[in-house]
Amino acid sequence: MAPEKLFELRRRTFDTPHFRGIEFIEVEAKSIINRVPGNSVPFDFTINPYRGCSHACVYCFARSTHTFMDMDAGRDFESKIVVKVNAPDLLRRELARRSWKGGHIAMGTATDPYQRAEGRYRLMPRIIQALLDYRNPFSILTKGTLILRDLPLLKEAAEVVDLSTALSVPTLDAEVWRRSEPGTPHPRKRLDAVARLNEAGIPCGVMIAPVLPGISDDPRMLMEVVKAAVDAGATHITPILLHLRPIVREEYMAWLQDAYPHLVGTYEEMYRRGAYAPSEARKALAENITTLKQAAGGLKPRSDAYWRMVERKRKQAELEKAPAKVEQQTLL
């Protein structure tokens, strides 16, 4: 994905414990809705109001994007956060264009929209309001429990647009959590957020992502996450096995050498052919999660909005098939 065109406005720091050690680079973006090339993901458009992320997840695939701006993928990614201060206003202009056809917009696909900076800049309420006003479908993926701040607005949006949310919860193991994603809210609090969103009628699932080979892939550890997600009424539970693209790979392997040196050889072998683990390993993980979901009693979505969305999609699929059926009957 090509980086947005940006020009720098100013650099700011805030001398409060919550933001200490973080520099905010305020910029104005030239565009905010990004088209995703190809069909490798289930969405065509994204919005990323921030670049860089104070969640500091060691495995984050977006780390490489900081190098586009002459910053490093390590400490700079975690402590120099680019804030697109004009994102909400720019979004309204882009949604109003005649050329815009109302495609689904995904947020949280690169850096987290509910990271620490959002507590100060409050870009997401205005972004959600714009999407709501234009009745534009959207989804949010986050590790940030700050999403609950916008629960009333999300509840309103869920009544009129196709909206889905998901919390990323790679593990409930306290040691692995502290080591691998030190800037994130506690995973139990994230699962509480899943429950609250679903109880409020906002469809919310759980991404077990990424699963770290040899670190968080023990079946007992995975079952703990699956069971908690089922209990929270998750609409889906989706695992993703770690992938290591260039630049991110170097950062992650350096961390692995310090934190789990006995696994370095295993990773070098597993990822020797590229960014992704062997297909059989990915398939085995997916099958394992399916089995664990069944053992946990299966999914029990609580959100009425989820079922309304399922029904709308079913009807839409029927309408799309209808012309083909008419044409076939005409030919007969």
Protein backbone atom coordinates (compact mmCIF):
# COMPACT_ATOMS: atom_id res chain seq x y z
CA MET A 1 0.00 0.00 0.00
CA ALA A 2 1.42 3.37 -0.98
CA PRO A 3 2.01 5.79 1.91
CA GLU A 4 -0.27 8.83 2.16
CA LYS A 5 1.15 12.20 1.10
CA LEU A 6 1.85 14.22 4.21
CA PHE A 7 3.47 17.49 5.17
CA GLU A 8 4.69 18.19 8.67
CA LEU A 9 3.02 20.85 10.82
CA ARG A 10 4.69 20.58 14.21
CA ARG A 11 6.17 18.26 16.79
CA ARG A 12 4.68 18.17 20.28
CA THR A 13 5.39 16.45 23.57
CA PHE A 14 3.18 16.36 26.65
CA ASP A 15 4.75 16.16 30.09
CA THR A 16 2.26 13.77 31.65
CA PRO A 17 2.97 10.21 32.79
CA HIS A 18 0.63 8.81 30.12
CA PHE A 19 2.54 10.47 27.27
CA ARG A 20 6.04 10.78 28.70
CA GLY A 21 8.70 9.73 26.20
CA ILE A 22 6.33 10.05 23.22
CA GLU A 23 6.67 12.69 20.51
CA PHE A 24 3.60 13.57 18.44
CA ILE A 25 4.18 14.72 14.88
CA GLU A 26 1.07 16.59 13.79
CA VAL A 27 0.51 16.55 10.04
CA GLU A 28 -2.18 17.30 7.51
CA ALA A 29 -2.91 14.42 5.15
CA LYS A 30 -3.67 14.97 1.48
CA SER A 31 -6.00 11.95 1.46
CA ILE A 32 -7.45 9.70 4.14
CA ILE A 33 -9.39 6.90 2.43
CA ASN A 34 -6.80 4.48 1.07
CA ARG A 35 -7.55 1.86 -1.57
CA VAL A 36 -6.08 -1.56 -0.85
CA PRO A 37 -4.60 -3.09 -4.00
CA GLY A 38 -5.25 -6.72 -4.93
CA ASN A 39 -7.60 -9.09 -3.12
CA SER A 40 -5.40 -10.39 -0.31
CA VAL A 41 -7.68 -8.93 2.40
CA PRO A 42 -11.50 -8.90 2.77
CA PHE A 43 -11.82 -5.11 2.39
CA ASP A 44 -11.03 -2.56 -0.31
CA PHE A 45 -10.53 0.65 1.68
CA THR A 46 -8.85 1.70 4.92
CA ILE A 47 -8.46 4.73 7.16
CA ASN A 48 -5.41 5.12 9.40
CA PRO A 49 -5.57 8.32 11.46
CA TYR A 50 -2.19 7.58 13.04
CA ARG A 51 1.21 6.24 11.99
CA GLY A 52 3.35 4.51 14.57
CA CYS A 53 1.87 2.97 17.68
CA SER A 54 2.55 3.28 21.40
CA HIS A 55 1.25 -0.25 21.95
CA ALA A 56 4.81 -1.30 21.06
CA CYS A 57 3.91 -4.82 19.90
CA VAL A 58 7.21 -6.44 18.95
CA TYR A 59 5.68 -8.30 16.01
CA CYS A 60 3.71 -5.42 14.43
CA PHE A 61 3.81 -5.71 10.63
CA ALA A 62 3.25 -1.93 10.31
CA ARG A 63 6.66 -1.13 11.80
CA SER A 64 8.16 -0.94 8.33
CA THR A 65 5.91 2.02 7.41
CA HIS A 66 7.96 4.31 9.66
CA THR A 67 10.95 3.84 7.40
CA PHE A 68 8.99 5.61 4.64
CA MET A 69 9.42 8.79 6.70
CA ASP A 70 13.12 8.35 7.51
CA MET A 71 12.42 6.98 10.98
CA ASP A 72 13.34 3.55 12.27
CA ALA A 73 11.04 0.56 12.76
CA GLY A 74 12.13 0.06 16.35
CA ARG A 75 11.95 2.73 19.05
CA ASP A 76 10.84 5.48 16.61
CA PHE A 77 7.75 3.48 15.65
CA GLU A 78 6.74 3.27 19.31
CA SER A 79 7.61 6.80 20.40
CA LYS A 80 7.23 9.10 17.36
CA ILE A 81 3.54 9.02 16.54
CA VAL A 82 2.27 10.75 13.40
CA VAL A 83 -1.17 12.31 13.99
CA LYS A 84 -3.27 13.20 10.94
CA VAL A 85 -5.05 16.08 12.63
CA ASN A 86 -7.30 16.85 9.66
CA ALA A 87 -8.50 13.25 9.19
CA PRO A 88 -12.19 13.79 10.19
CA ASP A 89 -12.70 16.89 8.02
CA LEU A 90 -10.87 15.34 5.10
CA LEU A 91 -12.98 12.20 5.43
CA ARG A 92 -16.19 14.20 5.10
CA ARG A 93 -14.95 15.78 1.90
CA GLU A 94 -13.99 12.42 0.44
CA LEU A 95 -17.29 10.77 1.42
CA ALA A 96 -19.16 13.64 -0.28
CA ARG A 97 -17.48 13.10 -3.65
CA ARG A 98 -19.68 11.79 -6.44
CA SER A 99 -16.98 9.28 -7.27
CA TRP A 100 -17.26 7.65 -3.82
CA LYS A 101 -19.53 4.58 -4.00
CA GLY A 102 -19.83 3.80 -0.30
CA GLY A 103 -17.40 0.89 -0.05
CA HIS A 104 -16.65 -0.77 3.27
CA ILE A 105 -13.87 1.02 5.18
CA ALA A 106 -11.66 -0.89 7.62
CA MET A 107 -9.81 0.81 10.48
CA GLY A 108 -7.03 -0.66 12.60
CA THR A 109 -5.47 -2.50 9.68
CA ALA A 110 -2.09 -0.83 10.18
CA THR A 111 -1.62 1.12 13.41
CA ASP A 112 -4.22 1.10 16.17
CA PRO A 113 -6.84 3.89 16.03
CA TYR A 114 -7.40 3.54 19.79
CA GLN A 115 -3.81 3.76 20.91
CA ARG A 116 -2.71 6.19 23.61
CA ALA A 117 -2.68 9.27 21.31
CA GLU A 118 -6.42 8.93 20.66
CA GLY A 119 -7.12 9.80 24.28
CA ARG A 120 -5.82 13.30 23.58
CA TYR A 121 -6.60 13.92 19.92
CA ARG A 122 -10.08 12.32 19.83
CA LEU A 123 -10.11 11.77 16.07
CA MET A 124 -12.24 8.62 16.12
CA PRO A 125 -15.55 10.11 17.36
CA ARG A 126 -15.54 12.58 14.48
CA ILE A 127 -14.51 9.87 12.00
CA ILE A 128 -17.30 7.56 13.19
CA GLN A 129 -19.81 10.42 13.08
CA ALA A 130 -18.87 11.17 9.47
CA LEU A 131 -19.29 7.52 8.49
CA LEU A 132 -22.61 7.43 10.33
CA ASP A 133 -23.87 10.61 8.66
CA TYR A 134 -23.05 9.20 5.22
CA ARG A 135 -24.39 5.73 6.15
CA ASN A 136 -21.06 4.21 5.14
CA PRO A 137 -20.26 0.64 6.32
CA PHE A 138 -17.10 0.23 8.37
CA SER A 139 -15.18 -2.01 10.76
CA ILE A 140 -12.69 -1.44 13.56
CA LEU A 141 -9.90 -3.71 14.79
CA THR A 142 -8.12 -2.62 17.95
CA LYS A 143 -6.25 -3.64 21.08
CA GLY A 144 -7.43 -0.45 22.78
CA THR A 145 -10.16 -0.55 25.41
CA LEU A 146 -10.56 3.18 24.72
CA ILE A 147 -13.06 2.08 22.06
CA LEU A 148 -15.59 1.88 24.93
CA ARG A 149 -15.50 5.68 25.17
CA ASP A 150 -17.26 5.75 21.79
CA LEU A 151 -19.76 3.02 22.64
CA PRO A 152 -22.88 5.26 22.40
CA LEU A 153 -21.83 6.52 18.96
CA LEU A 154 -21.01 3.01 17.76
CA LYS A 155 -24.36 1.79 19.05
CA GLU A 156 -26.11 4.47 17.01
CA ALA A 157 -24.09 3.55 13.92
CA ALA A 158 -24.85 -0.16 14.32
CA GLU A 159 -28.55 0.62 13.96
CA VAL A 160 -28.20 1.99 10.43
CA VAL A 161 -24.99 0.69 8.80
CA ASP A 162 -23.13 -2.60 8.52
CA LEU A 163 -20.65 -2.23 11.35
CA SER A 164 -18.36 -4.79 12.95
CA THR A 165 -15.63 -4.54 15.55
CA ALA A 166 -12.93 -6.87 16.85
CA LEU A 167 -10.45 -6.86 19.70
CA SER A 168 -7.07 -8.45 19.14
CA VAL A 169 -6.20 -10.81 22.02
CA PRO A 170 -3.19 -12.94 21.10
CA THR A 171 -2.81 -14.50 24.55
CA LEU A 172 -3.97 -14.36 28.16
CA ASP A 173 -0.58 -15.43 29.48
CA ALA A 174 0.68 -12.53 31.60
CA GLU A 175 4.38 -13.06 30.89
CA VAL A 176 3.96 -13.35 27.12
CA TRP A 177 1.67 -10.29 27.11
CA ARG A 178 4.11 -8.11 29.05
CA ARG A 179 7.05 -9.17 26.91
CA SER A 180 5.49 -9.00 23.45
CA GLU A 181 3.04 -6.05 23.63
CA PRO A 182 4.04 -3.95 26.64
CA GLY A 183 2.00 -0.85 25.74
CA THR A 184 -1.37 -2.54 25.39
CA PRO A 185 -4.25 -2.81 27.89
CA HIS A 186 -4.42 -6.07 29.85
CA PRO A 187 -5.91 -8.82 27.65
CA ARG A 188 -8.62 -9.51 30.23
CA LYS A 189 -9.75 -5.89 29.94
CA ARG A 190 -9.90 -6.32 26.18
CA LEU A 191 -12.20 -9.31 26.60
CA ASP A 192 -14.35 -7.28 28.96
CA ALA A 193 -14.61 -4.73 26.13
CA VAL A 194 -15.71 -7.49 23.74
CA ALA A 195 -18.52 -8.41 26.14
CA ARG A 196 -19.62 -4.80 26.64
CA LEU A 197 -19.68 -4.07 22.91
CA ASN A 198 -21.78 -7.15 22.19
CA GLU A 199 -24.10 -6.44 25.09
CA ALA A 200 -24.62 -2.95 23.65
CA GLY A 201 -25.63 -4.45 20.30
CA ILE A 202 -22.34 -3.76 18.52
CA PRO A 203 -21.02 -6.90 16.77
CA CYS A 204 -17.58 -7.70 18.18
CA GLY A 205 -15.29 -10.64 17.57
CA VAL A 206 -11.83 -11.71 18.73
CA MET A 207 -8.69 -11.98 16.66
CA ILE A 208 -6.11 -14.33 18.19
CA ALA A 209 -3.42 -12.52 16.32
CA PRO A 210 -0.69 -13.14 15.98
CA VAL A 211 -0.07 -16.55 17.46
CA LEU A 212 3.66 -16.77 18.21
CA PRO A 213 5.16 -20.20 17.45
CA GLY A 214 6.65 -21.82 20.52
CA ILE A 215 5.51 -18.93 22.71
CA SER A 216 1.71 -18.59 22.63
CA ASP A 217 0.63 -21.58 20.55
CA ASP A 218 0.26 -24.14 23.34
CA PRO A 219 -3.28 -25.65 23.05
CA ARG A 220 -4.00 -24.88 26.70
CA MET A 221 -3.09 -21.23 26.17
CA LEU A 222 -5.20 -21.03 23.02
CA MET A 223 -8.14 -22.70 24.76
CA GLU A 224 -8.01 -20.07 27.48
CA VAL A 225 -8.48 -17.31 24.90
CA VAL A 226 -11.17 -19.22 22.97
CA LYS A 227 -13.20 -19.97 26.10
CA ALA A 228 -13.03 -16.36 27.25
CA ALA A 229 -14.02 -15.11 23.78
CA VAL A 230 -17.03 -17.45 23.65
CA ASP A 231 -18.08 -16.29 27.13
CA ALA A 232 -17.83 -12.66 25.90
CA GLY A 233 -20.30 -13.39 23.09
CA ALA A 234 -17.73 -13.00 20.33
CA THR A 235 -19.22 -13.01 16.83
CA HIS A 236 -16.10 -14.71 15.48
CA ILE A 237 -12.78 -16.05 16.72
CA THR A 238 -10.05 -15.85 14.10
CA PRO A 239 -6.43 -16.94 14.55
CA ILE A 240 -3.50 -15.61 12.52
CA LEU A 241 -0.08 -17.22 12.74
CA LEU A 242 2.81 -14.76 12.98
CA HIS A 243 4.22 -13.49 9.71
CA LEU A 244 7.54 -11.68 9.46
CA ARG A 245 8.05 -9.30 6.57
CA PRO A 246 11.42 -7.63 5.91
CA ILE A 247 12.41 -4.96 8.46
CA VAL A 248 9.86 -6.32 10.96
CA ARG A 249 11.67 -9.65 10.82
CA GLU A 250 14.92 -8.05 11.95
CA GLU A 251 13.21 -6.24 14.83
CA TYR A 252 11.37 -9.35 15.96
CA MET A 253 14.39 -11.66 15.74
CA ALA A 254 16.46 -9.25 17.83
CA TRP A 255 13.72 -9.32 20.48
CA LEU A 256 13.51 -13.12 20.25
CA GLN A 257 17.25 -13.42 20.82
CA ASP A 258 16.84 -11.53 24.11
CA ALA A 259 13.53 -12.97 25.30
CA TYR A 260 13.49 -16.55 23.98
CA PRO A 261 16.99 -17.33 22.64
CA HIS A 262 16.30 -21.08 22.52
CA LEU A 263 13.69 -20.47 19.78
CA VAL A 264 15.90 -18.53 17.35
CA GLY A 265 16.87 -21.63 15.37
CA THR A 266 13.25 -22.80 15.19
CA TYR A 267 12.15 -19.44 13.73
CA GLU A 268 15.01 -19.30 11.26
CA GLU A 269 13.93 -22.68 9.92
CA MET A 270 10.20 -21.91 9.97
CA TYR A 271 10.57 -18.59 8.13
CA ARG A 272 13.52 -19.42 5.91
CA ARG A 273 11.40 -19.34 2.75
CA GLY A 274 9.68 -16.02 3.34
CA ALA A 275 7.43 -13.93 5.54
CA TYR A 276 4.86 -16.65 6.21
CA ALA A 277 5.11 -19.89 8.16
CA PRO A 278 4.57 -23.08 6.13
CA SER A 279 0.98 -23.54 4.93
CA GLU A 280 0.61 -26.77 6.89
CA ALA A 281 1.37 -24.88 10.13
CA ARG A 282 -1.24 -22.22 9.32
CA LYS A 283 -3.79 -24.87 8.40
CA ALA A 284 -3.10 -26.80 11.60
CA LEU A 285 -3.66 -23.66 13.69
CA ALA A 286 -6.99 -22.92 11.98
CA GLU A 287 -8.17 -26.50 12.52
CA ASN A 288 -7.05 -26.41 16.14
CA ILE A 289 -9.05 -23.24 16.83
CA THR A 290 -12.13 -24.76 15.17
CA THR A 291 -11.82 -27.79 17.45
CA LEU A 292 -11.33 -25.58 20.52
CA LYS A 293 -14.40 -23.47 19.65
CA GLN A 294 -16.49 -26.62 19.49
CA ALA A 295 -15.07 -27.81 22.82
CA ALA A 296 -15.94 -24.44 24.33
CA GLY A 297 -19.57 -24.83 23.28
CA GLY A 298 -19.47 -22.90 20.00
CA LEU A 299 -20.01 -19.23 19.29
CA LYS A 300 -22.95 -17.52 20.96
CA PRO A 301 -23.22 -14.02 19.43
CA ARG A 302 -25.34 -11.70 21.58
CA SER A 303 -25.61 -8.70 19.28
CA ASP A 304 -28.92 -8.16 17.49
CA ALA A 305 -27.06 -5.94 15.04
CA TYR A 306 -24.90 -8.92 14.11
CA TRP A 307 -27.92 -11.00 13.13
CA ARG A 308 -29.45 -8.06 11.24
CA MET A 309 -26.19 -7.71 9.31
CA VAL A 310 -26.16 -11.45 8.53
CA GLU A 311 -29.74 -11.20 7.25
CA ARG A 312 -28.96 -8.13 5.11
CA LYS A 313 -26.01 -9.91 3.55
CA ARG A 314 -28.13 -12.98 2.86
CA LYS A 315 -30.76 -10.88 1.10
CA GLN A 316 -28.10 -8.99 -0.84
CA ALA A 317 -26.59 -12.28 -2.03
CA GLU A 318 -30.03 -13.43 -3.18
CA LEU A 319 -30.57 -10.20 -5.12
CA GLU A 320 -27.20 -10.55 -6.81
CA LYS A 321 -28.10 -14.09 -7.89
CA ALA A 322 -31.58 -13.11 -9.09
CA PRO A 323 -30.58 -11.64 -12.49
CA ALA A 324 -28.62 -14.77 -13.32
CA LYS A 325 -31.64 -16.94 -12.48
CA VAL A 326 -33.93 -14.79 -14.67
CA GLU A 327 -31.48 -14.97 -17.56
CA GLN A 328 -31.20 -18.74 -17.17
CA GLN A 329 -34.99 -19.16 -17.17
CA THR A 330 -35.25 -16.96 -20.28
CA LEU A 331 -32.76 -19.16 -22.12
CA LEU A 332 -34.75 -22.26 -21.17
